[in-house]
Amino acid sequence: MGKMSVDLCGITLDNPVIPASGTFGYGLEFAELYDINILGTFSFKGTTKEPRFGNPTPRIAECASGMLNAVGLQNPGVEHVIKYELPALKKVFAKKVMANISGSSIEDYVYVSELLDREDQVGWLEINISCPNVKAGGMGFGTSAESAAAVTKAVKAVTKKPVIMKLSPNVTDIVSIAKACEDAGADGICAINTLLGMRIDLKTGKPVIANVTGGVSGPCVFPVALRAVYQISRAVKIPVIGCGGVSTAEDVLEMMYAGATAVQVGAANLVDPFACKKIIEELPEVMDRYKFKN
């Protein structure tokens, strides 16, 4: 059996499989189903300075080979996460967790990052500058190299933990944005977040999602994510996490060939809550089949 461990920004993961933010809550729901310590780690739900109710419903819809969502970063706020979610998680998860952070301003990102940097259980800060479902901040920071670099630099100034910038595919040149983040001090890149899309109800002629548009995820976006990882990993010297449409152990290896150091699994968790467990269990056999030594 090949060696499955990987080094992500100086922290060793037992395997490269990471449930993506927004598809795994704060871990407790999945801990009721299986031992989540088998994961490399997981990225917890996107967390902001203040509590957020999220977008109006309906905010989830199916599409061919995937799904459309406009949840809108619903979360209880960083103080609640630190006071309640992290202590509860510590009882069921012995590893470092990845903290996904979002904001409506650079000051918001800095505030949340500074607080979570003090938490021992947090291993990495994943800075979401790519959410397409919020009106202020989110993807707005990730669509230009200058603004992405500004967020990166501001967060790096207040944290000692590795900073991973999560990038949007809804841009002309994702590579230049990744390079700008690296130049501003980022320790890693996560690519990609969801693609902007929509559906229309033929009975009403109106958008299916109350927000009108939402983020497309699932197997249909895998080729786009793979292309982004391939391009970015050849342009930067920092680790790249591949995210987008991953649902099998074979997908994980394909991402690694493209240049990923680790791989996030998103929408698959919403289809099958055991998706990551199955991928991890199948990975050794698939590695042997394709002669992966590590």
C-alpha atoms as a PDB file:
ATOM      1  CA  MET A   1       0.000   0.000   0.000  1.00  0.00           C
ATOM      2  CA  GLY A   2       1.294   3.459  -0.900  1.00  0.00           C
ATOM      3  CA  LYS A   3       1.912   6.199   1.636  1.00  0.00           C
ATOM      4  CA  MET A   4      -1.160   8.438   1.930  1.00  0.00           C
ATOM      5  CA  SER A   5       0.127  11.226   4.182  1.00  0.00           C
ATOM      6  CA  VAL A   6       0.747  14.719   2.800  1.00  0.00           C
ATOM      7  CA  ASP A   7       2.273  17.923   4.133  1.00  0.00           C
ATOM      8  CA  LEU A   8      -0.040  20.922   3.933  1.00  0.00           C
ATOM      9  CA  CYS A   9       1.750  24.155   4.831  1.00  0.00           C
ATOM     10  CA  GLY A  10       3.910  22.414   7.418  1.00  0.00           C
ATOM     11  CA  ILE A  11       1.165  20.314   9.007  1.00  0.00           C
ATOM     12  CA  THR A  12       1.022  16.581   8.223  1.00  0.00           C
ATOM     13  CA  LEU A  13      -2.306  15.086   7.144  1.00  0.00           C
ATOM     14  CA  ASP A  14      -2.857  11.318   7.375  1.00  0.00           C
ATOM     15  CA  ASN A  15      -4.425  11.522   3.906  1.00  0.00           C
ATOM     16  CA  PRO A  16      -5.238  14.334   1.451  1.00  0.00           C
ATOM     17  CA  VAL A  17      -9.055  14.180   1.801  1.00  0.00           C
ATOM     18  CA  ILE A  18     -10.689  17.315   3.254  1.00  0.00           C
ATOM     19  CA  PRO A  19     -14.465  17.959   3.342  1.00  0.00           C
ATOM     20  CA  ALA A  20     -15.015  21.434   1.888  1.00  0.00           C
ATOM     21  CA  SER A  21     -16.468  24.349   3.807  1.00  0.00           C
ATOM     22  CA  GLY A  22     -20.245  24.634   3.737  1.00  0.00           C
ATOM     23  CA  THR A  23     -20.760  20.901   3.211  1.00  0.00           C
ATOM     24  CA  PHE A  24     -19.650  19.582   6.613  1.00  0.00           C
ATOM     25  CA  GLY A  25     -21.047  22.083   9.137  1.00  0.00           C
ATOM     26  CA  TYR A  26     -18.782  22.321  12.181  1.00  0.00           C
ATOM     27  CA  GLY A  27     -18.218  18.558  12.088  1.00  0.00           C
ATOM     28  CA  LEU A  28     -20.625  17.452  14.805  1.00  0.00           C
ATOM     29  CA  GLU A  29     -23.406  16.227  12.518  1.00  0.00           C
ATOM     30  CA  PHE A  30     -21.000  13.929  10.686  1.00  0.00           C
ATOM     31  CA  ALA A  31     -19.343  12.757  13.925  1.00  0.00           C
ATOM     32  CA  GLU A  32     -22.679  11.102  14.751  1.00  0.00           C
ATOM     33  CA  LEU A  33     -22.337   8.977  11.597  1.00  0.00           C
ATOM     34  CA  TYR A  34     -18.672   7.902  11.643  1.00  0.00           C
ATOM     35  CA  ASP A  35     -15.308   8.646  13.260  1.00  0.00           C
ATOM     36  CA  ILE A  36     -14.316  11.876  11.504  1.00  0.00           C
ATOM     37  CA  ASN A  37     -10.729  11.438  12.728  1.00  0.00           C
ATOM     38  CA  ILE A  38     -10.159   9.330   9.600  1.00  0.00           C
ATOM     39  CA  LEU A  39     -10.234  12.596   7.585  1.00  0.00           C
ATOM     40  CA  GLY A  40      -7.078  14.488   6.679  1.00  0.00           C
ATOM     41  CA  THR A  41      -8.881  17.435   8.225  1.00  0.00           C
ATOM     42  CA  PHE A  42     -12.022  19.390   7.307  1.00  0.00           C
ATOM     43  CA  SER A  43     -12.843  22.996   6.534  1.00  0.00           C
ATOM     44  CA  PHE A  44     -15.622  24.218   8.794  1.00  0.00           C
ATOM     45  CA  LYS A  45     -18.598  26.304   7.743  1.00  0.00           C
ATOM     46  CA  GLY A  46     -17.826  29.785   6.421  1.00  0.00           C
ATOM     47  CA  THR A  47     -17.638  32.039   9.492  1.00  0.00           C
ATOM     48  CA  THR A  48     -18.112  35.805   9.652  1.00  0.00           C
ATOM     49  CA  LYS A  49     -17.751  38.534  12.275  1.00  0.00           C
ATOM     50  CA  GLU A  50     -21.487  38.806  12.942  1.00  0.00           C
ATOM     51  CA  PRO A  51     -24.114  36.037  12.786  1.00  0.00           C
ATOM     52  CA  ARG A  52     -25.708  35.683   9.344  1.00  0.00           C
ATOM     53  CA  PHE A  53     -29.145  34.281   8.588  1.00  0.00           C
ATOM     54  CA  GLY A  54     -28.232  33.744   4.956  1.00  0.00           C
ATOM     55  CA  ASN A  55     -30.318  34.297   1.830  1.00  0.00           C
ATOM     56  CA  PRO A  56     -34.099  33.816   1.547  1.00  0.00           C
ATOM     57  CA  THR A  57     -35.449  30.436   0.461  1.00  0.00           C
ATOM     58  CA  PRO A  58     -35.584  28.599  -1.880  1.00  0.00           C
ATOM     59  CA  ARG A  59     -31.807  28.613  -2.018  1.00  0.00           C
ATOM     60  CA  ILE A  60     -30.884  25.141  -3.288  1.00  0.00           C
ATOM     61  CA  ALA A  61     -31.783  23.536  -6.619  1.00  0.00           C
ATOM     62  CA  GLU A  62     -30.652  20.568  -8.670  1.00  0.00           C
ATOM     63  CA  CYS A  63     -28.947  20.851 -12.042  1.00  0.00           C
ATOM     64  CA  ALA A  64     -27.456  18.304 -14.413  1.00  0.00           C
ATOM     65  CA  SER A  65     -24.550  16.497 -12.693  1.00  0.00           C
ATOM     66  CA  GLY A  66     -24.552  18.917  -9.790  1.00  0.00           C
ATOM     67  CA  MET A  67     -26.427  21.447  -7.714  1.00  0.00           C
ATOM     68  CA  LEU A  68     -27.066  25.167  -7.413  1.00  0.00           C
ATOM     69  CA  ASN A  69     -26.907  26.877  -4.024  1.00  0.00           C
ATOM     70  CA  ALA A  70     -27.278  30.392  -2.673  1.00  0.00           C
ATOM     71  CA  VAL A  71     -27.213  29.719   1.068  1.00  0.00           C
ATOM     72  CA  GLY A  72     -25.399  32.998   1.679  1.00  0.00           C
ATOM     73  CA  LEU A  73     -22.891  32.104   4.413  1.00  0.00           C
ATOM     74  CA  GLN A  74     -25.457  31.353   7.122  1.00  0.00           C
ATOM     75  CA  ASN A  75     -23.480  30.985  10.363  1.00  0.00           C
ATOM     76  CA  PRO A  76     -23.701  31.917  14.069  1.00  0.00           C
ATOM     77  CA  GLY A  77     -20.754  34.364  14.035  1.00  0.00           C
ATOM     78  CA  VAL A  78     -17.160  33.913  15.173  1.00  0.00           C
ATOM     79  CA  GLU A  79     -17.729  34.509  18.902  1.00  0.00           C
ATOM     80  CA  HIS A  80     -20.344  31.742  19.006  1.00  0.00           C
ATOM     81  CA  VAL A  81     -18.065  29.409  17.049  1.00  0.00           C
ATOM     82  CA  ILE A  82     -15.218  29.962  19.516  1.00  0.00           C
ATOM     83  CA  LYS A  83     -17.427  29.633  22.596  1.00  0.00           C
ATOM     84  CA  TYR A  84     -19.572  26.668  21.542  1.00  0.00           C
ATOM     85  CA  GLU A  85     -18.610  24.958  18.262  1.00  0.00           C
ATOM     86  CA  LEU A  86     -14.862  24.508  18.799  1.00  0.00           C
ATOM     87  CA  PRO A  87     -15.154  23.106  22.368  1.00  0.00           C
ATOM     88  CA  ALA A  88     -17.836  20.659  21.162  1.00  0.00           C
ATOM     89  CA  LEU A  89     -15.687  19.672  18.183  1.00  0.00           C
ATOM     90  CA  LYS A  90     -12.678  19.030  20.400  1.00  0.00           C
ATOM     91  CA  LYS A  91     -14.583  16.185  22.052  1.00  0.00           C
ATOM     92  CA  VAL A  92     -14.921  14.290  18.766  1.00  0.00           C
ATOM     93  CA  PHE A  93     -12.024  15.502  16.580  1.00  0.00           C
ATOM     94  CA  ALA A  94      -8.402  15.204  17.725  1.00  0.00           C
ATOM     95  CA  LYS A  95      -6.799  16.903  14.708  1.00  0.00           C
ATOM     96  CA  LYS A  96      -6.307  20.485  13.609  1.00  0.00           C
ATOM     97  CA  VAL A  97      -9.325  21.925  11.789  1.00  0.00           C
ATOM     98  CA  MET A  98      -9.316  24.357   8.881  1.00  0.00           C
ATOM     99  CA  ALA A  99     -11.185  27.590   9.664  1.00  0.00           C
ATOM    100  CA  ASN A 100     -13.031  29.075   6.679  1.00  0.00           C
ATOM    101  CA  ILE A 101     -13.378  32.853   7.037  1.00  0.00           C
ATOM    102  CA  SER A 102     -15.449  35.355   5.085  1.00  0.00           C
ATOM    103  CA  GLY A 103     -16.217  39.047   5.412  1.00  0.00           C
ATOM    104  CA  SER A 104     -17.834  42.123   3.937  1.00  0.00           C
ATOM    105  CA  SER A 105     -14.696  44.232   4.383  1.00  0.00           C
ATOM    106  CA  ILE A 106     -10.967  43.745   4.895  1.00  0.00           C
ATOM    107  CA  GLU A 107     -11.527  44.770   8.521  1.00  0.00           C
ATOM    108  CA  ASP A 108     -14.001  41.892   8.909  1.00  0.00           C
ATOM    109  CA  TYR A 109     -11.480  39.365   7.588  1.00  0.00           C
ATOM    110  CA  VAL A 110      -8.822  40.724   9.923  1.00  0.00           C
ATOM    111  CA  TYR A 111     -11.127  40.655  12.969  1.00  0.00           C
ATOM    112  CA  VAL A 112     -12.204  37.035  12.462  1.00  0.00           C
ATOM    113  CA  SER A 113      -8.710  35.862  11.513  1.00  0.00           C
ATOM    114  CA  GLU A 114      -7.161  37.450  14.602  1.00  0.00           C
ATOM    115  CA  LEU A 115      -9.641  35.705  16.907  1.00  0.00           C
ATOM    116  CA  LEU A 116      -9.346  32.280  15.266  1.00  0.00           C
ATOM    117  CA  ASP A 117      -5.547  32.540  15.159  1.00  0.00           C
ATOM    118  CA  ARG A 118      -5.609  32.267  18.955  1.00  0.00           C
ATOM    119  CA  GLU A 119      -7.469  28.944  18.898  1.00  0.00           C
ATOM    120  CA  ASP A 120      -5.152  25.970  19.311  1.00  0.00           C
ATOM    121  CA  GLN A 121      -7.427  23.559  17.429  1.00  0.00           C
ATOM    122  CA  VAL A 122      -7.372  25.724  14.300  1.00  0.00           C
ATOM    123  CA  GLY A 123      -4.516  24.654  12.035  1.00  0.00           C
ATOM    124  CA  TRP A 124      -5.082  26.785   8.926  1.00  0.00           C
ATOM    125  CA  LEU A 125      -7.078  29.880   8.031  1.00  0.00           C
ATOM    126  CA  GLU A 126      -8.894  29.438   4.717  1.00  0.00           C
ATOM    127  CA  ILE A 127      -9.827  32.909   3.512  1.00  0.00           C
ATOM    128  CA  ASN A 128     -12.910  32.829   1.313  1.00  0.00           C
ATOM    129  CA  ILE A 129     -12.659  35.641  -1.234  1.00  0.00           C
ATOM    130  CA  SER A 130     -14.807  33.718  -3.698  1.00  0.00           C
ATOM    131  CA  CYS A 131     -18.382  33.267  -2.431  1.00  0.00           C
ATOM    132  CA  PRO A 132     -20.763  34.284  -5.256  1.00  0.00           C
ATOM    133  CA  ASN A 133     -23.857  34.371  -3.043  1.00  0.00           C
ATOM    134  CA  VAL A 134     -23.385  37.477  -0.882  1.00  0.00           C
ATOM    135  CA  LYS A 135     -24.055  41.074  -1.855  1.00  0.00           C
ATOM    136  CA  ALA A 136     -21.109  42.622   0.015  1.00  0.00           C
ATOM    137  CA  GLY A 137     -17.568  41.264   0.114  1.00  0.00           C
ATOM    138  CA  GLY A 138     -17.165  37.601  -0.787  1.00  0.00           C
ATOM    139  CA  MET A 139     -16.333  37.178  -4.467  1.00  0.00           C
ATOM    140  CA  GLY A 140     -15.828  40.920  -4.827  1.00  0.00           C
ATOM    141  CA  PHE A 141     -12.429  40.542  -3.147  1.00  0.00           C
ATOM    142  CA  GLY A 142     -11.418  37.635  -5.340  1.00  0.00           C
ATOM    143  CA  THR A 143     -12.064  39.034  -8.802  1.00  0.00           C
ATOM    144  CA  SER A 144      -9.007  41.293  -8.996  1.00  0.00           C
ATOM    145  CA  ALA A 145      -5.381  40.608  -8.174  1.00  0.00           C
ATOM    146  CA  GLU A 146      -5.068  43.881  -6.249  1.00  0.00           C
ATOM    147  CA  SER A 147      -7.997  43.275  -3.877  1.00  0.00           C
ATOM    148  CA  ALA A 148      -7.063  39.619  -3.357  1.00  0.00           C
ATOM    149  CA  ALA A 149      -3.531  40.677  -2.431  1.00  0.00           C
ATOM    150  CA  ALA A 150      -4.847  43.355  -0.075  1.00  0.00           C
ATOM    151  CA  VAL A 151      -6.928  40.816   1.888  1.00  0.00           C
ATOM    152  CA  THR A 152      -4.012  38.366   1.965  1.00  0.00           C
ATOM    153  CA  LYS A 153      -1.573  40.966   3.269  1.00  0.00           C
ATOM    154  CA  ALA A 154      -3.991  42.231   5.934  1.00  0.00           C
ATOM    155  CA  VAL A 155      -4.735  38.740   7.256  1.00  0.00           C
ATOM    156  CA  LYS A 156      -1.081  37.681   7.242  1.00  0.00           C
ATOM    157  CA  ALA A 157      -0.260  40.695   9.397  1.00  0.00           C
ATOM    158  CA  VAL A 158      -2.420  39.397  12.275  1.00  0.00           C
ATOM    159  CA  THR A 159      -1.859  35.637  12.188  1.00  0.00           C
ATOM    160  CA  LYS A 160       0.940  33.113  12.634  1.00  0.00           C
ATOM    161  CA  LYS A 161      -1.080  30.226  11.205  1.00  0.00           C
ATOM    162  CA  PRO A 162      -0.866  29.208   7.525  1.00  0.00           C
ATOM    163  CA  VAL A 163      -3.189  31.311   5.351  1.00  0.00           C
ATOM    164  CA  ILE A 164      -4.877  29.606   2.390  1.00  0.00           C
ATOM    165  CA  MET A 165      -6.694  31.838  -0.083  1.00  0.00           C
ATOM    166  CA  LYS A 166      -9.818  30.280  -1.630  1.00  0.00           C
ATOM    167  CA  LEU A 167     -10.223  31.610  -5.159  1.00  0.00           C
ATOM    168  CA  SER A 168     -13.152  32.150  -7.502  1.00  0.00           C
ATOM    169  CA  PRO A 169     -13.386  30.585 -10.980  1.00  0.00           C
ATOM    170  CA  ASN A 170     -15.600  33.490 -12.071  1.00  0.00           C
ATOM    171  CA  VAL A 171     -12.643  35.465 -13.389  1.00  0.00           C
ATOM    172  CA  THR A 172     -10.713  35.847 -16.646  1.00  0.00           C
ATOM    173  CA  ASP A 173      -7.285  34.978 -15.225  1.00  0.00           C
ATOM    174  CA  ILE A 174      -7.256  32.970 -11.987  1.00  0.00           C
ATOM    175  CA  VAL A 175      -3.483  32.409 -12.252  1.00  0.00           C
ATOM    176  CA  SER A 176      -2.637  36.109 -11.905  1.00  0.00           C
ATOM    177  CA  ILE A 177      -4.831  36.296  -8.795  1.00  0.00           C
ATOM    178  CA  ALA A 178      -3.138  33.223  -7.289  1.00  0.00           C
ATOM    179  CA  LYS A 179       0.299  34.750  -7.961  1.00  0.00           C
ATOM    180  CA  ALA A 180      -0.794  38.050  -6.376  1.00  0.00           C
ATOM    181  CA  CYS A 181      -1.874  36.162  -3.241  1.00  0.00           C
ATOM    182  CA  GLU A 182       1.454  34.311  -3.139  1.00  0.00           C
ATOM    183  CA  ASP A 183       3.368  37.568  -3.516  1.00  0.00           C
ATOM    184  CA  ALA A 184       1.317  39.066  -0.654  1.00  0.00           C
ATOM    185  CA  GLY A 185       2.341  36.227   1.666  1.00  0.00           C
ATOM    186  CA  ALA A 186      -0.269  33.484   1.208  1.00  0.00           C
ATOM    187  CA  ASP A 187       0.876  30.041   2.370  1.00  0.00           C
ATOM    188  CA  GLY A 188      -1.477  28.137   0.073  1.00  0.00           C
ATOM    189  CA  ILE A 189      -4.234  28.386  -2.538  1.00  0.00           C
ATOM    190  CA  CYS A 190      -7.582  26.592  -2.660  1.00  0.00           C
ATOM    191  CA  ALA A 191      -9.103  26.332  -6.137  1.00  0.00           C
ATOM    192  CA  ILE A 192     -11.946  26.557  -6.902  1.00  0.00           C
ATOM    193  CA  ASN A 193     -15.135  27.839  -5.331  1.00  0.00           C
ATOM    194  CA  THR A 194     -18.461  27.481  -7.154  1.00  0.00           C
ATOM    195  CA  LEU A 195     -19.254  28.739 -10.662  1.00  0.00           C
ATOM    196  CA  LEU A 196     -21.983  31.364 -10.935  1.00  0.00           C
ATOM    197  CA  GLY A 197     -25.180  29.965 -12.480  1.00  0.00           C
ATOM    198  CA  MET A 198     -28.990  29.966 -12.417  1.00  0.00           C
ATOM    199  CA  ARG A 199     -32.126  27.933 -13.223  1.00  0.00           C
ATOM    200  CA  ILE A 200     -35.579  29.101 -14.366  1.00  0.00           C
ATOM    201  CA  ASP A 201     -38.880  27.440 -13.454  1.00  0.00           C
ATOM    202  CA  LEU A 202     -40.777  26.895 -16.724  1.00  0.00           C
ATOM    203  CA  LYS A 203     -44.137  26.971 -14.918  1.00  0.00           C
ATOM    204  CA  THR A 204     -43.594  30.481 -13.563  1.00  0.00           C
ATOM    205  CA  GLY A 205     -40.881  31.881 -15.832  1.00  0.00           C
ATOM    206  CA  LYS A 206     -39.024  32.982 -12.688  1.00  0.00           C
ATOM    207  CA  PRO A 207     -35.646  31.945 -11.269  1.00  0.00           C
ATOM    208  CA  VAL A 208     -35.757  28.784  -9.144  1.00  0.00           C
ATOM    209  CA  ILE A 209     -33.454  30.365  -6.549  1.00  0.00           C
ATOM    210  CA  ALA A 210     -34.802  33.354  -4.585  1.00  0.00           C
ATOM    211  CA  ASN A 211     -31.367  34.980  -4.913  1.00  0.00           C
ATOM    212  CA  VAL A 212     -31.756  34.604  -8.730  1.00  0.00           C
ATOM    213  CA  THR A 213     -28.218  33.273  -9.162  1.00  0.00           C
ATOM    214  CA  GLY A 214     -26.239  30.758  -7.127  1.00  0.00           C
ATOM    215  CA  GLY A 215     -23.077  28.703  -7.078  1.00  0.00           C
ATOM    216  CA  VAL A 216     -22.885  25.604  -9.263  1.00  0.00           C
ATOM    217  CA  SER A 217     -21.042  22.640  -7.735  1.00  0.00           C
ATOM    218  CA  GLY A 218     -20.814  18.894  -8.207  1.00  0.00           C
ATOM    219  CA  PRO A 219     -19.240  16.583 -10.838  1.00  0.00           C
ATOM    220  CA  CYS A 220     -20.069  19.013 -13.656  1.00  0.00           C
ATOM    221  CA  VAL A 221     -17.441  21.509 -12.432  1.00  0.00           C
ATOM    222  CA  PHE A 222     -14.619  18.973 -11.998  1.00  0.00           C
ATOM    223  CA  PRO A 223     -12.922  19.684 -15.373  1.00  0.00           C
ATOM    224  CA  VAL A 224     -12.928  23.429 -14.626  1.00  0.00           C
ATOM    225  CA  ALA A 225     -11.433  22.873 -11.176  1.00  0.00           C
ATOM    226  CA  LEU A 226      -8.822  20.474 -12.533  1.00  0.00           C
ATOM    227  CA  ARG A 227      -7.757  22.997 -15.177  1.00  0.00           C
ATOM    228  CA  ALA A 228      -7.425  25.736 -12.553  1.00  0.00           C
ATOM    229  CA  VAL A 229      -5.322  23.527 -10.265  1.00  0.00           C
ATOM    230  CA  TYR A 230      -3.083  22.537 -13.180  1.00  0.00           C
ATOM    231  CA  GLN A 231      -2.474  26.145 -14.201  1.00  0.00           C
ATOM    232  CA  ILE A 232      -2.040  27.559 -10.699  1.00  0.00           C
ATOM    233  CA  SER A 233       0.264  24.806  -9.419  1.00  0.00           C
ATOM    234  CA  ARG A 234       2.649  25.486 -12.279  1.00  0.00           C
ATOM    235  CA  ALA A 235       2.681  29.231 -11.605  1.00  0.00           C
ATOM    236  CA  VAL A 236       3.154  29.326  -7.809  1.00  0.00           C
ATOM    237  CA  LYS A 237       5.524  27.651  -5.352  1.00  0.00           C
ATOM    238  CA  ILE A 238       2.991  27.304  -2.507  1.00  0.00           C
ATOM    239  CA  PRO A 239       0.652  24.282  -2.072  1.00  0.00           C
ATOM    240  CA  VAL A 240      -2.635  24.146  -3.972  1.00  0.00           C
ATOM    241  CA  ILE A 241      -5.756  22.435  -2.640  1.00  0.00           C
ATOM    242  CA  GLY A 242      -7.946  21.081  -5.441  1.00  0.00           C
ATOM    243  CA  CYS A 243     -11.677  21.613  -4.918  1.00  0.00           C
ATOM    244  CA  GLY A 244     -14.619  21.237  -7.263  1.00  0.00           C
ATOM    245  CA  GLY A 245     -16.629  18.173  -8.252  1.00  0.00           C
ATOM    246  CA  VAL A 246     -14.421  15.615  -6.486  1.00  0.00           C
ATOM    247  CA  SER A 247     -16.508  12.543  -5.653  1.00  0.00           C
ATOM    248  CA  THR A 248     -14.262   9.460  -6.052  1.00  0.00           C
ATOM    249  CA  ALA A 249     -10.787   8.220  -5.117  1.00  0.00           C
ATOM    250  CA  GLU A 250      -9.922   8.402  -8.821  1.00  0.00           C
ATOM    251  CA  ASP A 251     -10.829  12.115  -8.796  1.00  0.00           C
ATOM    252  CA  VAL A 252      -8.400  12.611  -5.900  1.00  0.00           C
ATOM    253  CA  LEU A 253      -5.533  11.066  -7.873  1.00  0.00           C
ATOM    254  CA  GLU A 254      -6.426  13.103 -10.955  1.00  0.00           C
ATOM    255  CA  MET A 255      -6.217  16.265  -8.852  1.00  0.00           C
ATOM    256  CA  MET A 256      -2.814  15.143  -7.536  1.00  0.00           C
ATOM    257  CA  TYR A 257      -1.558  14.605 -11.073  1.00  0.00           C
ATOM    258  CA  ALA A 258      -2.746  18.142 -11.896  1.00  0.00           C
ATOM    259  CA  GLY A 259      -0.611  19.479  -9.047  1.00  0.00           C
ATOM    260  CA  ALA A 260      -2.789  19.435  -5.909  1.00  0.00           C
ATOM    261  CA  THR A 261      -1.199  18.802  -2.514  1.00  0.00           C
ATOM    262  CA  ALA A 262      -4.572  18.000  -0.929  1.00  0.00           C
ATOM    263  CA  VAL A 263      -8.140  17.714  -2.185  1.00  0.00           C
ATOM    264  CA  GLN A 264     -11.452  19.047  -0.881  1.00  0.00           C
ATOM    265  CA  VAL A 265     -14.743  17.202  -1.311  1.00  0.00           C
ATOM    266  CA  GLY A 266     -17.839  19.409  -1.358  1.00  0.00           C
ATOM    267  CA  ALA A 267     -21.224  18.646  -2.940  1.00  0.00           C
ATOM    268  CA  ALA A 268     -20.625  14.882  -2.697  1.00  0.00           C
ATOM    269  CA  ASN A 269     -21.082  15.166   1.095  1.00  0.00           C
ATOM    270  CA  LEU A 270     -24.595  16.529   0.564  1.00  0.00           C
ATOM    271  CA  VAL A 271     -25.496  13.606  -1.712  1.00  0.00           C
ATOM    272  CA  ASP A 272     -23.901  10.950   0.511  1.00  0.00           C
ATOM    273  CA  PRO A 273     -22.756  11.852   4.050  1.00  0.00           C
ATOM    274  CA  PHE A 274     -20.312   8.916   3.907  1.00  0.00           C
ATOM    275  CA  ALA A 275     -18.651  10.173   0.684  1.00  0.00           C
ATOM    276  CA  CYS A 276     -15.328  11.165   2.286  1.00  0.00           C
ATOM    277  CA  LYS A 277     -15.169   7.989   4.354  1.00  0.00           C
ATOM    278  CA  LYS A 278     -15.653   5.879   1.227  1.00  0.00           C
ATOM    279  CA  ILE A 279     -13.022   7.830  -0.727  1.00  0.00           C
ATOM    280  CA  ILE A 280     -10.443   7.382   2.054  1.00  0.00           C
ATOM    281  CA  GLU A 281     -11.199   3.661   2.335  1.00  0.00           C
ATOM    282  CA  GLU A 282     -10.944   3.174  -1.445  1.00  0.00           C
ATOM    283  CA  LEU A 283      -7.822   5.311  -1.915  1.00  0.00           C
ATOM    284  CA  PRO A 284      -5.190   2.607  -1.069  1.00  0.00           C
ATOM    285  CA  GLU A 285      -6.624   0.153  -3.618  1.00  0.00           C
ATOM    286  CA  VAL A 286      -6.934   2.828  -6.298  1.00  0.00           C
ATOM    287  CA  MET A 287      -3.372   4.007  -5.578  1.00  0.00           C
ATOM    288  CA  ASP A 288      -2.129   0.434  -6.030  1.00  0.00           C
ATOM    289  CA  ARG A 289      -4.097   0.039  -9.259  1.00  0.00           C
ATOM    290  CA  TYR A 290      -2.488   3.126 -10.773  1.00  0.00           C
ATOM    291  CA  LYS A 291       0.908   2.469  -9.149  1.00  0.00           C
ATOM    292  CA  PHE A 292       0.932   5.527  -6.876  1.00  0.00           C
ATOM    293  CA  LYS A 293       3.697   5.032  -4.296  1.00  0.00           C
ATOM    294  CA  ASN A 294       2.753   8.159  -2.318  1.00  0.00           C
END
